[in-house]
């Protein structure tokens, strides 16, 4: 009976020669590039003792895996999100007070050079926050201080993990919190200044000023890295990470100004609101990931260029989860 059923089954159609040839070529292509990739990794492995840049790249990759850089970057982005949300409450309350006093908030935002979509969103927030403006200011001030401490703590833990040290005790916490609070003000000044120049000068001058803002971003990152936990190193040890982070933030800035802003401005109201929200979340994750990469780059660059510097390979960092 089973034999009869087996005989009655339809035979499996054979693969056409043409399709079989495509599959074989695809398999051969995959095997070729896999072999090339392995050969390239082996060649880089042999070059590690002779080239510091190759050694830094390898150690950078390993360090990121050791400290779970993706998780740390997500934790930083998580705290940055609530920090921005708290500051939004505070700014919305202040805009409500300004709107109640007769200040044309939307026109002022447009005159500063920001896009029409963002100016419209800010103006809407100012009008809708008139009734509860004082509650927004009080809650915004409280949560801004609270989440500023969270951002500071996250940055300290990331730097300690990158340098593989235990987080030291924070000295002068009031000044540290003040530095965190002043950072967005400085960033807004950079952004608004470049926006104003682009709106009132030639495109070439606007592009030059936009690129020059990257120097300010890098200098700000350098100042923060110097005061975050690290080993006893000179300030020049933080230049690689500061330059890399400044270039990354500037790249996001240029992309937003010359590509994304015009698309959001021409989109519908719903798409523009969702676009602003999703873009902000994505940017915060990229910034958080960039902060982790920059700290790791500083640490591994110093270790490669100063192999005789005091370093305990068995030292373990102990820090709570982000």
Protein backbone atom coordinates (compact mmCIF):
# COMPACT_ATOMS: atom_id res chain seq x y z
CA UNK A 1 0.00 0.00 0.00
CA UNK A 2 2.75 2.41 0.94
CA UNK A 3 4.64 1.47 -2.18
CA UNK A 4 1.61 2.28 -4.33
CA UNK A 5 1.18 5.67 -2.63
CA UNK A 6 4.84 6.44 -3.16
CA UNK A 7 4.54 5.54 -6.82
CA UNK A 8 1.49 7.81 -7.21
CA UNK A 9 3.27 10.90 -5.84
CA UNK A 10 4.21 13.47 -8.39
CA UNK A 11 7.91 13.59 -9.16
CA UNK A 12 9.80 16.67 -7.99
CA UNK A 13 10.49 18.86 -11.01
CA UNK A 14 14.15 19.25 -11.79
CA UNK A 15 15.71 22.69 -11.57
CA UNK A 16 16.09 24.20 -15.04
CA UNK A 17 19.68 24.47 -16.20
CA UNK A 18 19.44 28.24 -16.41
CA UNK A 19 18.25 28.60 -12.81
CA UNK A 20 20.83 26.10 -11.64
CA UNK A 21 23.52 28.16 -13.32
CA UNK A 22 22.36 31.33 -11.52
CA UNK A 23 22.43 29.55 -8.17
CA UNK A 24 25.92 28.23 -8.78
CA UNK A 25 27.18 31.68 -9.81
CA UNK A 26 25.61 33.27 -6.73
CA UNK A 27 27.17 30.61 -4.49
CA UNK A 28 30.55 31.09 -6.14
CA UNK A 29 30.27 34.89 -5.75
CA UNK A 30 29.44 34.54 -2.04
CA UNK A 31 32.31 32.13 -1.45
CA UNK A 32 34.74 34.40 -3.29
CA UNK A 33 33.86 37.49 -1.26
CA UNK A 34 33.85 35.50 1.97
CA UNK A 35 37.36 34.30 1.21
CA UNK A 36 38.45 37.86 0.34
CA UNK A 37 37.00 39.16 3.58
CA UNK A 38 38.82 36.55 5.63
CA UNK A 39 42.05 37.26 3.78
CA UNK A 40 41.61 40.98 4.42
CA UNK A 41 41.07 40.42 8.14
CA UNK A 42 44.15 38.21 8.30
CA UNK A 43 46.18 40.88 6.50
CA UNK A 44 44.97 43.54 8.92
CA UNK A 45 45.78 41.25 11.83
CA UNK A 46 49.36 40.97 10.57
CA UNK A 47 49.59 44.76 10.17
CA UNK A 48 48.48 45.49 13.75
CA UNK A 49 51.99 45.57 15.28
CA UNK A 50 53.30 47.87 12.53
CA UNK A 51 50.48 50.40 12.15
CA UNK A 52 48.94 52.19 15.12
CA UNK A 53 45.81 53.09 13.17
CA UNK A 54 45.05 49.42 12.48
CA UNK A 55 45.65 48.52 16.13
CA UNK A 56 43.36 51.35 17.24
CA UNK A 57 40.63 50.12 14.92
CA UNK A 58 40.84 46.57 16.26
CA UNK A 59 40.88 47.68 19.88
CA UNK A 60 38.06 50.14 19.25
CA UNK A 61 35.88 47.35 17.90
CA UNK A 62 36.77 45.00 20.77
CA UNK A 63 36.25 47.67 23.42
CA UNK A 64 32.80 48.45 22.04
CA UNK A 65 31.86 44.77 22.31
CA UNK A 66 33.33 44.43 25.80
CA UNK A 67 31.36 47.29 27.31
CA UNK A 68 28.18 46.74 25.24
CA UNK A 69 28.46 50.06 23.45
CA UNK A 70 25.08 49.70 21.74
CA UNK A 71 23.31 49.29 25.09
CA UNK A 72 25.20 52.21 26.61
CA UNK A 73 24.35 54.40 23.61
CA UNK A 74 20.68 53.50 23.95
CA UNK A 75 20.81 54.34 27.65
CA UNK A 76 22.30 57.75 26.91
CA UNK A 77 19.65 58.37 24.24
CA UNK A 78 16.94 57.34 26.73
CA UNK A 79 18.10 59.93 29.24
CA UNK A 80 18.60 62.58 26.56
CA UNK A 81 15.02 62.02 25.41
CA UNK A 82 13.51 62.70 28.85
CA UNK A 83 15.92 65.59 29.33
CA UNK A 84 14.73 67.19 26.09
CA UNK A 85 11.12 66.46 27.07
CA UNK A 86 11.57 68.21 30.42
CA UNK A 87 13.19 71.21 28.77
CA UNK A 88 10.34 71.30 26.27
CA UNK A 89 7.89 71.66 29.16
CA UNK A 90 9.94 74.51 30.57
CA UNK A 91 10.28 76.28 27.23
CA UNK A 92 6.58 75.80 26.47
CA UNK A 93 5.67 77.48 29.74
CA UNK A 94 8.00 80.36 28.95
CA UNK A 95 6.52 80.68 25.46
CA UNK A 96 3.06 80.78 27.00
CA UNK A 97 4.10 83.71 29.17
CA UNK A 98 5.63 85.46 26.15
CA UNK A 99 2.53 84.85 24.05
CA UNK A 100 0.26 86.15 26.82
CA UNK A 101 2.29 89.35 26.99
CA UNK A 102 1.66 90.01 23.30
CA UNK A 103 4.94 88.81 21.81
CA UNK A 104 4.61 87.38 18.27
CA UNK A 105 6.33 84.08 18.97
CA UNK A 106 5.83 82.50 15.54
CA UNK A 107 7.09 85.56 13.68
CA UNK A 108 10.13 85.78 15.94
CA UNK A 109 10.98 82.14 15.31
CA UNK A 110 10.69 82.63 11.55
CA UNK A 111 12.85 85.76 11.69
CA UNK A 112 15.57 83.76 13.46
CA UNK A 113 15.91 81.63 10.33
CA UNK A 114 14.23 78.39 11.43
CA UNK A 115 11.96 76.49 9.07
CA UNK A 116 8.28 77.35 8.77
CA UNK A 117 7.21 73.92 10.03
CA UNK A 118 9.24 74.25 13.22
CA UNK A 119 8.13 77.86 13.71
CA UNK A 120 4.51 76.75 13.34
CA UNK A 121 4.97 73.98 15.92
CA UNK A 122 6.58 76.38 18.39
CA UNK A 123 3.84 78.94 17.87
CA UNK A 124 1.15 76.30 18.46
CA UNK A 125 2.85 75.20 21.67
CA UNK A 126 2.97 78.81 22.85
CA UNK A 127 -0.74 79.38 22.23
CA UNK A 128 -1.83 76.12 23.84
CA UNK A 129 0.29 76.64 26.95
CA UNK A 130 -1.29 79.93 28.02
CA UNK A 131 -3.72 78.40 30.52
CA UNK A 132 -1.24 76.14 32.33
CA UNK A 133 1.93 78.08 31.69
CA UNK A 134 2.95 78.38 35.35
CA UNK A 135 2.43 74.66 35.94
CA UNK A 136 4.53 73.94 32.87
CA UNK A 137 7.29 76.20 34.14
CA UNK A 138 7.34 74.63 37.61
CA UNK A 139 7.16 71.05 36.38
CA UNK A 140 9.60 71.78 33.57
CA UNK A 141 12.15 73.32 35.97
CA UNK A 142 11.89 70.39 38.40
CA UNK A 143 12.15 67.66 35.74
CA UNK A 144 14.90 69.54 33.90
CA UNK A 145 17.06 69.46 37.03
CA UNK A 146 16.14 65.82 37.69
CA UNK A 147 16.94 64.57 34.21
CA UNK A 148 20.01 66.78 33.94
CA UNK A 149 21.40 64.76 36.83
CA UNK A 150 20.46 61.59 34.93
CA UNK A 151 22.27 62.77 31.80
CA UNK A 152 25.35 63.70 33.84
CA UNK A 153 25.35 60.31 35.55
CA UNK A 154 24.99 58.49 32.22
CA UNK A 155 27.89 60.42 30.67
CA UNK A 156 30.11 59.69 33.66
CA UNK A 157 29.32 55.97 33.49
CA UNK A 158 29.98 55.83 29.75
CA UNK A 159 33.35 57.53 30.14
CA UNK A 160 34.29 55.24 33.05
CA UNK A 161 33.32 52.16 31.04
CA UNK A 162 35.31 53.30 28.00
CA UNK A 163 38.43 53.92 30.11
CA UNK A 164 37.76 50.76 32.16
CA UNK A 165 37.88 52.45 35.53
CA UNK A 166 35.47 52.64 38.46
CA UNK A 167 33.46 55.89 38.44
CA UNK A 168 35.07 58.28 40.93
CA UNK A 169 33.09 60.39 43.34
CA UNK A 170 31.65 63.50 41.73
CA UNK A 171 33.17 66.71 42.98
CA UNK A 172 31.32 70.03 42.73
CA UNK A 173 28.02 68.54 41.52
CA UNK A 174 26.39 71.98 41.35
CA UNK A 175 28.90 73.13 38.73
CA UNK A 176 28.50 69.89 36.84
CA UNK A 177 24.72 70.32 36.69
CA UNK A 178 25.20 73.94 35.60
CA UNK A 179 27.44 72.73 32.76
CA UNK A 180 24.77 70.26 31.65
CA UNK A 181 22.11 72.96 31.72
CA UNK A 182 24.25 75.41 29.76
CA UNK A 183 25.03 72.91 27.00
CA UNK A 184 21.68 73.18 25.17
CA UNK A 185 21.87 76.98 25.39
CA UNK A 186 25.26 76.93 23.65
CA UNK A 187 24.00 74.48 21.02
CA UNK A 188 20.94 76.65 20.34
CA UNK A 189 23.16 79.71 19.99
CA UNK A 190 25.33 77.87 17.45
CA UNK A 191 22.29 76.64 15.50
CA UNK A 192 20.38 79.93 15.53
CA UNK A 193 23.49 81.88 14.62
CA UNK A 194 24.18 79.71 11.58
CA UNK A 195 20.49 79.76 10.64
CA UNK A 196 20.43 83.57 10.77
CA UNK A 197 23.55 83.83 8.63
CA UNK A 198 22.15 81.40 6.05
CA UNK A 199 18.88 83.35 5.89
CA UNK A 200 20.53 86.75 5.40
CA UNK A 201 23.70 86.05 3.40
CA UNK A 202 24.79 84.20 0.29
CA UNK A 203 24.69 80.39 0.15
CA UNK A 204 28.49 80.17 0.15
CA UNK A 205 28.82 82.23 3.31
CA UNK A 206 25.99 80.26 4.92
CA UNK A 207 27.69 76.97 4.12
CA UNK A 208 31.00 78.23 5.51
CA UNK A 209 29.37 79.32 8.77
CA UNK A 210 27.50 76.01 9.00
CA UNK A 211 30.74 74.08 8.65
CA UNK A 212 32.44 76.41 11.12
CA UNK A 213 29.80 75.49 13.70
CA UNK A 214 31.33 72.02 13.73
CA UNK A 215 34.42 73.54 15.35
CA UNK A 216 32.22 74.82 18.16
CA UNK A 217 30.61 71.39 18.55
CA UNK A 218 34.04 69.77 18.76
CA UNK A 219 35.30 72.31 21.30
CA UNK A 220 32.22 71.74 23.43
CA UNK A 221 32.77 67.97 23.29
CA UNK A 222 36.44 68.41 24.20
CA UNK A 223 35.61 70.48 27.26
CA UNK A 224 33.09 67.89 28.45
CA UNK A 225 35.45 64.95 27.93
CA UNK A 226 38.23 66.62 29.92
CA UNK A 227 36.06 66.77 33.03
CA UNK A 228 34.45 63.34 32.68
CA UNK A 229 36.07 60.34 34.46
CA UNK A 230 39.21 59.04 32.77
CA UNK A 231 42.75 57.99 33.52
CA UNK A 232 45.45 60.51 34.36
CA UNK A 233 46.09 61.74 30.82
CA UNK A 234 46.76 65.18 29.27
CA UNK A 235 43.98 67.06 27.54
CA UNK A 236 45.40 66.16 24.14
CA UNK A 237 44.34 62.54 24.74
CA UNK A 238 40.72 63.64 24.24
CA UNK A 239 41.27 65.22 20.84
CA UNK A 240 40.49 62.09 18.72
CA UNK A 241 37.08 61.57 20.29
CA UNK A 242 36.24 65.28 20.32
CA UNK A 243 37.08 65.63 16.64
CA UNK A 244 35.12 62.50 15.72
CA UNK A 245 32.07 63.58 17.74
CA UNK A 246 32.23 67.14 16.39
CA UNK A 247 32.38 65.87 12.81
CA UNK A 248 29.46 63.51 13.44
CA UNK A 249 27.24 66.19 14.97
CA UNK A 250 28.16 68.60 12.19
CA UNK A 251 27.24 65.95 9.60
CA UNK A 252 23.80 65.59 11.22
CA UNK A 253 23.48 69.38 11.30
CA UNK A 254 24.34 69.78 7.62
CA UNK A 255 22.02 66.92 6.63
CA UNK A 256 19.16 68.50 8.57
CA UNK A 257 19.72 72.01 7.25
CA UNK A 258 20.26 71.27 3.55
CA UNK A 259 18.12 68.16 3.05
CA UNK A 260 15.67 67.31 5.80
CA UNK A 261 14.39 70.78 6.71
CA UNK A 262 13.04 71.53 3.24
CA UNK A 263 11.27 68.15 3.06
CA UNK A 264 9.59 68.62 6.42
CA UNK A 265 8.57 72.16 5.45
CA UNK A 266 6.88 71.00 2.25
CA UNK A 267 5.13 68.04 3.89
CA UNK A 268 1.62 68.01 5.33
CA UNK A 269 0.95 68.94 8.93
CA UNK A 270 0.60 65.35 10.09
CA UNK A 271 3.66 64.15 8.26
CA UNK A 272 5.66 67.12 9.47
CA UNK A 273 4.80 66.48 13.13
CA UNK A 274 5.58 62.79 12.88
CA UNK A 275 8.69 63.57 10.91
CA UNK A 276 9.97 65.97 13.57
CA UNK A 277 9.28 63.46 16.36
CA UNK A 278 10.82 60.45 14.62
CA UNK A 279 13.81 62.48 13.46
CA UNK A 280 14.43 63.76 16.99
CA UNK A 281 14.34 60.23 18.43
CA UNK A 282 16.66 58.92 15.73
CA UNK A 283 19.07 61.81 16.19
CA UNK A 284 19.18 61.29 19.95
CA UNK A 285 20.15 57.65 19.44
CA UNK A 286 22.87 58.63 16.98
CA UNK A 287 24.20 61.25 19.39
CA UNK A 288 24.19 58.76 22.26
CA UNK A 289 26.00 56.19 20.13
CA UNK A 290 28.48 58.83 19.02
CA UNK A 291 29.24 59.78 22.62
CA UNK A 292 30.09 56.15 23.41
CA UNK A 293 32.25 55.79 20.29
CA UNK A 294 34.11 59.02 21.07
CA UNK A 295 34.92 57.93 24.63
CA UNK A 296 36.11 54.52 23.40
CA UNK A 297 38.27 56.14 20.72
CA UNK A 298 40.00 58.34 23.29
CA UNK A 299 40.73 55.38 25.55
CA UNK A 300 42.07 52.97 22.94
CA UNK A 301 44.09 55.68 21.17
CA UNK A 302 45.86 56.53 24.41
CA UNK A 303 46.50 52.87 25.24
CA UNK A 304 47.96 52.13 21.80
CA UNK A 305 50.19 55.19 21.67
CA UNK A 306 51.33 54.81 25.28
CA UNK A 307 51.71 51.07 25.90
CA UNK A 308 54.04 51.69 28.85
CA UNK A 309 51.53 53.86 30.68
CA UNK A 310 50.18 52.42 33.95
CA UNK A 311 47.23 50.20 33.12
CA UNK A 312 45.83 47.27 35.07
CA UNK A 313 44.33 44.79 32.58
CA UNK A 314 42.59 42.95 35.42
CA UNK A 315 40.82 46.04 36.71
CA UNK A 316 37.05 45.75 36.47
CA UNK A 317 34.56 48.58 36.42
CA UNK A 318 31.49 48.34 38.61
CA UNK A 319 28.58 50.52 37.66
CA UNK A 320 24.78 50.16 37.73
CA UNK A 321 22.75 49.59 34.61
CA UNK A 322 21.87 52.56 32.48
